[in-house]
Amino acid sequence: MAASFDANRMEISSPPVPVIEGVLHSFDKTYGWLNSAAAQLCYSGSGHLAYAPGGVLPDPVRGLYWMDRSGKAEPVSVFGKRAFDTPKLAPDGRRIAYPGTFEDTQDLWIYDLFRETTIRLRSERTAMCGIWGPGGRGLAISSWQGGVLDIWWRPLEDTQAMEKLAESETDLFPSSFTPDGQILSIVKLGPPSIDILILRMQDKQLTPSMDTKYDELFPEFSPNGRWLAYVSNESGRFEVYLCSFPDVKENIPVSNGGGCEPLWSPDGKELFYLNLDRSKLMKVDIHTEPELFIGRPQPLVDYPGVISSPFTGYNISPDGKRFLIQEPLEYKSVEVRQLQLVLNWFEELKRLVPVGKN
């Protein structure tokens, strides 16, 4: 794109128009955080242009795997490979919610593992991620329509309207619900730090849970709702902690060598997390009743190392026997077999974007 520019006023003085079509550049529609938009073109001082054709890059794809407690992993073959991120398993264990792109719009999609069907949750807003509410009747999603990410409630039925749950001056991400669905933990991105917020669903009151100068993220409520697992870098590196809830009076370390992405077992007797380089899935035995007991962290299985943040990127089945994990992104290489050379391109540019004398 090009537009004429007034050098005296330091402003664009005409609407932008396309001047080169189909330039290869680093951009895909699903993984915006990977995009640099670097375009493969250059021009000479004498007015010639050279560029690589190709347009936007194809979205990288990945598959889903069920991994048991021995580390044996089997692909979810019916799901196949597609462009998606941060899949979330429904409480019933048979549906998966994930963000994906269709016709230049990123929406949430629901995949039914039993029926092998996919449903798109259409919205006028861009959906970045979502977590299931208790009972699987809807999802709390991060969504935006220009500006920052807000939190919305998205019912599964298209006939029901979306409801805004929370907003802030910076991006918000939903993380987990209490078992009764009355409280939602939220991650707020900085500056100056990453913080954990608590949203009371009844009156939409949003309050800080841990508002410190350190980064706190990955908040996950225990199955009984009395404890909140989270990650903080207060010690100088990220570690997994527990705090009592709702009083938030105790902050008890769980990991002892760095950790991230905590996840509770369905019965609340185990807490899983990833080591800092995402190479090991760790397990800690925990008893919360009649009083809290935390065991020693032990490696459970090797982990493929998929990065997810600021919310946990893997899931556990309702019976606690296996984990739903995503494999690393698979990029399709783009071969550049020719370069386009345009002679005297500056003359063409002047024709497309007339400029006056400034």
Protein backbone atom coordinates (compact mmCIF):
# COMPACT_ATOMS: atom_id res chain seq x y z
CA MET A 1 0.00 0.00 0.00
CA ALA A 2 1.11 3.57 -0.60
CA ALA A 3 -0.21 7.06 0.03
CA SER A 4 1.07 10.53 -0.76
CA PHE A 5 2.75 12.30 2.13
CA ASP A 6 2.97 15.98 3.01
CA ALA A 7 6.50 16.42 4.31
CA ASN A 8 5.79 19.92 5.62
CA ARG A 9 2.79 18.90 7.69
CA MET A 10 4.20 15.43 8.43
CA GLU A 11 0.96 13.70 7.51
CA ILE A 12 -0.59 11.47 4.85
CA SER A 13 -2.38 13.57 2.27
CA SER A 14 -4.28 10.95 0.23
CA PRO A 15 -6.10 7.66 0.84
CA PRO A 16 -3.81 4.60 0.65
CA VAL A 17 -4.07 2.44 -2.47
CA PRO A 18 -2.60 -1.00 -3.30
CA VAL A 19 0.55 -0.76 -5.40
CA ILE A 20 1.85 -4.37 -5.28
CA GLU A 21 -0.50 -7.36 -5.10
CA GLY A 22 0.36 -10.74 -3.60
CA VAL A 23 3.68 -9.97 -1.92
CA LEU A 24 4.97 -12.79 0.28
CA HIS A 25 5.03 -11.64 3.88
CA SER A 26 5.16 -13.11 7.36
CA PHE A 27 1.52 -13.06 8.33
CA ASP A 28 -1.09 -15.70 9.08
CA LYS A 29 -4.61 -15.37 10.39
CA THR A 30 -4.71 -17.67 13.42
CA TYR A 31 -1.49 -17.01 15.31
CA GLY A 32 -1.28 -13.23 15.38
CA TRP A 33 1.36 -13.27 18.10
CA LEU A 34 3.77 -14.95 15.64
CA ASN A 35 3.33 -12.35 12.92
CA SER A 36 6.05 -9.89 12.01
CA ALA A 37 4.39 -8.89 8.71
CA ALA A 38 7.89 -8.64 7.19
CA ALA A 39 7.42 -8.29 3.42
CA GLN A 40 9.79 -9.87 0.91
CA LEU A 41 10.49 -6.89 -1.34
CA CYS A 42 13.17 -4.32 -2.04
CA TYR A 43 13.72 -1.51 -4.52
CA SER A 44 16.74 0.25 -5.90
CA GLY A 45 17.57 3.90 -5.83
CA SER A 46 17.21 3.94 -9.63
CA GLY A 47 13.54 2.93 -9.32
CA HIS A 48 13.49 -0.84 -9.94
CA LEU A 49 11.48 -3.20 -7.71
CA ALA A 50 12.10 -6.85 -6.85
CA TYR A 51 9.72 -8.96 -4.77
CA ALA A 52 8.78 -12.54 -3.96
CA PRO A 53 5.16 -13.42 -4.77
CA GLY A 54 3.08 -15.55 -2.42
CA GLY A 55 0.80 -13.45 -0.24
CA VAL A 56 0.07 -14.41 3.36
CA LEU A 57 1.66 -17.52 4.83
CA PRO A 58 -0.50 -20.63 5.31
CA ASP A 59 -1.65 -21.08 8.89
CA PRO A 60 0.56 -23.59 10.74
CA VAL A 61 -1.40 -26.63 11.87
CA ARG A 62 -1.20 -29.09 14.72
CA GLY A 63 -2.98 -32.15 16.08
CA LEU A 64 -4.36 -33.26 19.44
CA TYR A 65 -3.14 -36.24 21.47
CA TRP A 66 -4.42 -38.25 24.39
CA MET A 67 -1.50 -39.03 26.68
CA ASP A 68 -1.84 -41.52 29.53
CA ARG A 69 0.04 -41.46 32.82
CA SER A 70 2.81 -43.64 31.43
CA GLY A 71 3.56 -41.10 28.69
CA LYS A 72 2.01 -43.13 25.86
CA ALA A 73 0.37 -40.71 23.44
CA GLU A 74 -2.18 -41.46 20.72
CA PRO A 75 -3.44 -38.89 18.22
CA VAL A 76 -7.06 -37.83 18.29
CA SER A 77 -7.28 -39.00 14.70
CA VAL A 78 -10.88 -37.90 14.15
CA PHE A 79 -9.83 -34.32 14.96
CA GLY A 80 -7.03 -34.35 12.42
CA LYS A 81 -4.63 -31.45 11.99
CA ARG A 82 -5.89 -27.91 11.83
CA ALA A 83 -5.01 -24.34 12.79
CA PHE A 84 -6.05 -23.91 16.41
CA ASP A 85 -4.73 -22.87 19.78
CA THR A 86 -5.45 -23.40 23.52
CA PRO A 87 -8.04 -26.21 23.30
CA LYS A 88 -10.30 -26.55 26.35
CA LEU A 89 -12.00 -29.82 27.26
CA ALA A 90 -15.63 -29.56 28.41
CA PRO A 91 -16.61 -30.88 31.85
CA ASP A 92 -18.31 -33.88 30.18
CA GLY A 93 -15.03 -34.79 28.44
CA ARG A 94 -16.60 -35.15 25.01
CA ARG A 95 -16.37 -31.61 23.60
CA ILE A 96 -13.42 -29.33 22.88
CA ALA A 97 -13.57 -25.55 22.50
CA TYR A 98 -10.80 -23.83 20.56
CA PRO A 99 -10.24 -20.56 18.65
CA GLY A 100 -9.85 -20.83 14.90
CA THR A 101 -10.10 -18.70 11.76
CA PHE A 102 -12.78 -18.81 9.09
CA GLU A 103 -13.24 -16.24 6.34
CA ASP A 104 -10.79 -13.81 7.99
CA THR A 105 -12.70 -13.89 11.31
CA GLN A 106 -11.43 -15.69 14.41
CA ASP A 107 -14.25 -17.37 16.31
CA LEU A 108 -14.59 -20.13 18.85
CA TRP A 109 -15.31 -23.62 17.57
CA ILE A 110 -16.75 -26.63 19.37
CA TYR A 111 -15.61 -30.11 18.35
CA ASP A 112 -17.67 -33.09 19.54
CA LEU A 113 -15.31 -36.05 20.06
CA PHE A 114 -18.20 -38.53 20.16
CA ARG A 115 -20.17 -37.34 17.13
CA GLU A 116 -17.06 -36.08 15.26
CA THR A 117 -18.76 -32.81 14.36
CA THR A 118 -17.62 -29.19 14.46
CA ILE A 119 -19.78 -26.17 15.30
CA ARG A 120 -18.72 -22.56 14.86
CA LEU A 121 -19.82 -20.13 17.57
CA ARG A 122 -20.39 -17.07 15.42
CA SER A 123 -19.86 -13.62 16.86
CA GLU A 124 -19.36 -10.05 15.68
CA ARG A 125 -16.34 -9.93 17.97
CA THR A 126 -12.98 -11.64 17.57
CA ALA A 127 -12.61 -14.52 20.05
CA MET A 128 -9.09 -15.30 21.25
CA CYS A 129 -9.72 -18.03 23.84
CA GLY A 130 -12.44 -19.50 26.02
CA ILE A 131 -13.00 -21.67 29.10
CA TRP A 132 -16.03 -23.78 29.89
CA GLY A 133 -18.44 -22.80 32.61
CA PRO A 134 -19.70 -25.43 35.08
CA GLY A 135 -22.05 -27.87 33.38
CA GLY A 136 -20.73 -26.95 29.93
CA ARG A 137 -23.62 -24.60 29.15
CA GLY A 138 -21.39 -21.84 27.81
CA LEU A 139 -17.93 -20.31 27.83
CA ALA A 140 -16.19 -17.28 29.27
CA ILE A 141 -14.15 -15.88 26.40
CA SER A 142 -11.56 -13.20 25.71
CA SER A 143 -12.91 -11.11 22.89
CA TRP A 144 -12.29 -7.79 21.23
CA GLN A 145 -13.70 -5.51 18.58
CA GLY A 146 -10.78 -3.16 18.31
CA GLY A 147 -8.93 -2.10 21.44
CA VAL A 148 -8.15 -4.50 24.30
CA LEU A 149 -9.50 -7.96 25.16
CA ASP A 150 -12.57 -7.98 27.40
CA ILE A 151 -14.28 -10.97 29.06
CA TRP A 152 -17.66 -12.07 27.71
CA TRP A 153 -20.06 -14.91 28.45
CA ARG A 154 -20.87 -16.85 25.28
CA PRO A 155 -23.86 -19.23 25.53
CA LEU A 156 -23.75 -22.27 23.27
CA GLU A 157 -27.09 -21.34 21.74
CA ASP A 158 -26.84 -18.73 18.97
CA THR A 159 -30.28 -17.45 19.97
CA GLN A 160 -28.93 -16.23 23.31
CA ALA A 161 -27.08 -12.93 23.46
CA MET A 162 -23.49 -12.58 24.63
CA GLU A 163 -22.99 -10.79 27.95
CA LYS A 164 -19.99 -8.67 28.92
CA LEU A 165 -18.49 -9.87 32.19
CA ALA A 166 -15.44 -7.66 32.72
CA GLU A 167 -13.35 -4.97 31.07
CA SER A 168 -10.11 -3.19 31.85
CA GLU A 169 -7.55 -0.86 30.34
CA THR A 170 -5.39 -3.87 29.38
CA ASP A 171 -6.09 -7.38 28.06
CA LEU A 172 -8.06 -9.81 30.24
CA PHE A 173 -8.04 -13.62 29.97
CA PRO A 174 -10.44 -16.03 31.75
CA SER A 175 -8.72 -18.88 33.59
CA SER A 176 -11.03 -20.99 35.80
CA PHE A 177 -14.41 -21.11 37.56
CA THR A 178 -15.16 -22.22 41.09
CA PRO A 179 -17.21 -25.46 41.08
CA ASP A 180 -20.46 -23.56 41.70
CA GLY A 181 -19.74 -21.16 38.84
CA GLN A 182 -20.07 -18.09 41.07
CA ILE A 183 -16.44 -16.94 40.84
CA LEU A 184 -14.19 -16.59 37.78
CA SER A 185 -10.43 -16.11 38.02
CA ILE A 186 -8.96 -13.76 35.42
CA VAL A 187 -5.45 -12.88 34.29
CA LYS A 188 -4.81 -9.20 33.59
CA LEU A 189 -1.80 -8.34 31.47
CA GLY A 190 0.37 -5.40 32.49
CA PRO A 191 2.00 -2.98 32.50
CA PRO A 192 3.42 -2.82 35.06
CA SER A 193 2.86 -6.52 35.92
CA ILE A 194 0.64 -9.52 35.21
CA ASP A 195 -2.03 -9.82 37.91
CA ILE A 196 -4.81 -12.18 38.99
CA LEU A 197 -8.31 -10.74 39.33
CA ILE A 198 -11.44 -12.29 40.80
CA LEU A 199 -14.85 -11.73 39.17
CA ARG A 200 -18.04 -12.30 41.15
CA MET A 201 -20.55 -13.47 38.58
CA GLN A 202 -23.66 -12.39 40.49
CA ASP A 203 -22.95 -8.65 40.39
CA LYS A 204 -19.95 -8.56 37.98
CA GLN A 205 -17.72 -7.11 40.71
CA LEU A 206 -14.06 -7.34 39.65
CA THR A 207 -11.43 -7.17 42.39
CA PRO A 208 -7.68 -7.81 42.54
CA SER A 209 -6.70 -11.11 44.12
CA MET A 210 -2.96 -10.64 43.88
CA ASP A 211 -2.04 -7.14 42.81
CA THR A 212 1.71 -6.95 43.38
CA LYS A 213 4.79 -5.76 41.52
CA TYR A 214 5.48 -9.40 40.55
CA ASP A 215 3.83 -11.43 37.78
CA GLU A 216 1.06 -13.80 38.89
CA LEU A 217 -0.75 -15.95 36.35
CA PHE A 218 -2.25 -19.43 35.62
CA PRO A 219 -4.90 -19.25 38.42
CA GLU A 220 -6.72 -22.60 38.79
CA PHE A 221 -9.40 -23.29 41.42
CA SER A 222 -9.34 -26.63 43.22
CA PRO A 223 -12.34 -28.96 42.69
CA ASN A 224 -13.67 -28.05 46.13
CA GLY A 225 -13.18 -24.31 45.51
CA ARG A 226 -11.17 -23.78 48.69
CA TRP A 227 -7.74 -23.38 47.10
CA LEU A 228 -6.29 -21.48 44.18
CA ALA A 229 -3.17 -22.76 42.42
CA TYR A 230 -1.20 -20.08 40.61
CA VAL A 231 2.28 -19.15 39.36
CA SER A 232 4.42 -16.23 40.57
CA ASN A 233 7.95 -15.00 39.95
CA GLU A 234 8.28 -13.43 43.39
CA SER A 235 11.25 -15.71 44.19
CA GLY A 236 13.12 -14.62 41.07
CA ARG A 237 11.78 -17.44 38.85
CA PHE A 238 8.32 -18.78 38.18
CA GLU A 239 7.09 -21.25 40.80
CA VAL A 240 3.73 -22.86 41.52
CA TYR A 241 1.94 -21.78 44.71
CA LEU A 242 -1.30 -22.45 46.56
CA CYS A 243 -3.36 -19.86 48.36
CA SER A 244 -6.49 -20.39 50.43
CA PHE A 245 -9.72 -19.06 48.97
CA PRO A 246 -11.63 -16.82 49.38
CA ASP A 247 -9.53 -15.30 52.17
CA VAL A 248 -6.22 -15.53 50.18
CA LYS A 249 -4.27 -15.62 53.45
CA GLU A 250 -1.89 -18.49 52.76
CA ASN A 251 0.64 -18.57 49.94
CA ILE A 252 2.28 -21.97 50.03
CA PRO A 253 5.00 -23.06 47.56
CA VAL A 254 4.29 -26.27 45.63
CA SER A 255 7.12 -26.56 43.08
CA ASN A 256 10.75 -26.52 44.16
CA GLY A 257 12.64 -26.12 40.89
CA GLY A 258 10.49 -23.78 38.84
CA GLY A 259 7.06 -24.47 37.40
CA CYS A 260 4.16 -23.19 35.33
CA GLU A 261 0.68 -24.16 34.08
CA PRO A 262 -0.81 -25.89 37.16
CA LEU A 263 -3.76 -28.25 36.66
CA TRP A 264 -5.82 -30.07 39.31
CA SER A 265 -6.87 -33.69 39.08
CA PRO A 266 -10.68 -34.03 39.04
CA ASP A 267 -10.73 -35.41 42.60
CA GLY A 268 -8.44 -32.65 43.90
CA LYS A 269 -5.87 -35.09 45.29
CA GLU A 270 -3.14 -34.23 42.77
CA LEU A 271 -1.76 -31.07 41.28
CA PHE A 272 0.09 -31.24 37.97
CA TYR A 273 2.35 -28.62 36.46
CA LEU A 274 5.07 -28.23 33.83
CA ASN A 275 8.71 -27.54 34.57
CA LEU A 276 10.08 -24.27 33.22
CA ASP A 277 11.31 -25.60 29.86
CA ARG A 278 8.04 -27.55 29.37
CA SER A 279 9.92 -30.84 29.04
CA LYS A 280 8.39 -32.62 32.08
CA LEU A 281 4.88 -32.98 33.43
CA MET A 282 5.23 -32.92 37.21
CA LYS A 283 2.87 -34.36 39.82
CA VAL A 284 2.34 -33.45 43.48
CA ASP A 285 0.09 -35.38 45.86
CA ILE A 286 -2.19 -33.07 47.80
CA HIS A 287 -4.73 -33.54 50.58
CA THR A 288 -6.89 -30.52 51.36
CA GLU A 289 -9.08 -32.12 54.06
CA PRO A 290 -9.16 -32.22 57.03
CA GLU A 291 -6.00 -30.12 56.70
CA LEU A 292 -3.65 -29.27 53.86
CA PHE A 293 -0.83 -31.68 52.99
CA ILE A 294 1.49 -31.16 50.01
CA GLY A 295 3.80 -33.95 48.86
CA ARG A 296 7.13 -33.76 47.08
CA PRO A 297 7.04 -32.88 43.35
CA GLN A 298 7.83 -35.86 41.12
CA PRO A 299 8.27 -36.09 37.32
CA LEU A 300 5.34 -37.97 35.82
CA VAL A 301 6.12 -38.11 32.07
CA ASP A 302 8.10 -36.32 29.38
CA TYR A 303 6.14 -33.48 27.79
CA PRO A 304 6.43 -32.16 24.20
CA GLY A 305 7.02 -28.58 25.31
CA VAL A 306 4.12 -26.63 23.80
CA ILE A 307 4.09 -23.13 25.26
CA SER A 308 0.82 -21.66 26.50
CA SER A 309 0.29 -18.46 28.46
CA PRO A 310 -1.24 -16.89 30.50
CA PHE A 311 -3.60 -19.89 30.91
CA THR A 312 -2.98 -23.63 31.08
CA GLY A 313 -2.72 -25.22 27.62
CA TYR A 314 -3.34 -28.90 28.43
CA ASN A 315 -6.37 -30.70 29.88
CA ILE A 316 -7.16 -33.75 31.99
CA SER A 317 -10.00 -36.20 31.32
CA PRO A 318 -12.93 -36.37 33.79
CA ASP A 319 -11.70 -39.75 35.07
CA GLY A 320 -8.18 -38.36 35.62
CA LYS A 321 -6.51 -41.13 33.62
CA ARG A 322 -5.21 -39.22 30.62
CA PHE A 323 -4.29 -35.77 29.37
CA LEU A 324 -5.39 -33.93 26.25
CA ILE A 325 -2.30 -32.21 24.84
CA GLN A 326 -1.51 -30.27 21.68
CA GLU A 327 1.50 -31.05 19.56
CA PRO A 328 3.95 -28.33 18.47
CA LEU A 329 2.96 -26.24 15.48
CA GLU A 330 3.71 -27.76 12.09
CA TYR A 331 4.77 -25.14 9.56
CA LYS A 332 4.32 -25.63 5.85
CA SER A 333 7.37 -24.23 4.12
CA VAL A 334 6.82 -21.77 1.31
CA GLU A 335 9.17 -22.29 -1.62
CA VAL A 336 10.13 -19.17 -3.53
CA ARG A 337 10.90 -20.33 -7.07
CA GLN A 338 11.00 -16.95 -8.73
CA LEU A 339 11.37 -13.25 -8.04
CA GLN A 340 9.40 -10.58 -9.84
CA LEU A 341 11.40 -7.68 -11.24
CA VAL A 342 9.60 -4.45 -12.16
CA LEU A 343 11.63 -1.89 -14.09
CA ASN A 344 11.03 1.82 -13.58
CA TRP A 345 8.63 1.06 -10.74
CA PHE A 346 8.87 4.60 -9.37
CA GLU A 347 7.08 5.84 -12.48
CA GLU A 348 4.27 3.36 -11.92
CA LEU A 349 4.12 4.42 -8.28
CA LYS A 350 3.71 8.07 -9.26
CA ARG A 351 0.87 7.13 -11.59
CA LEU A 352 -0.96 5.18 -8.90
CA VAL A 353 -0.30 7.72 -6.14
CA PRO A 354 -0.10 11.23 -7.65
CA VAL A 355 1.76 13.71 -5.49
CA GLY A 356 1.77 17.48 -5.62
CA LYS A 357 4.60 19.87 -5.00
CA ASN A 358 5.19 20.40 -1.29
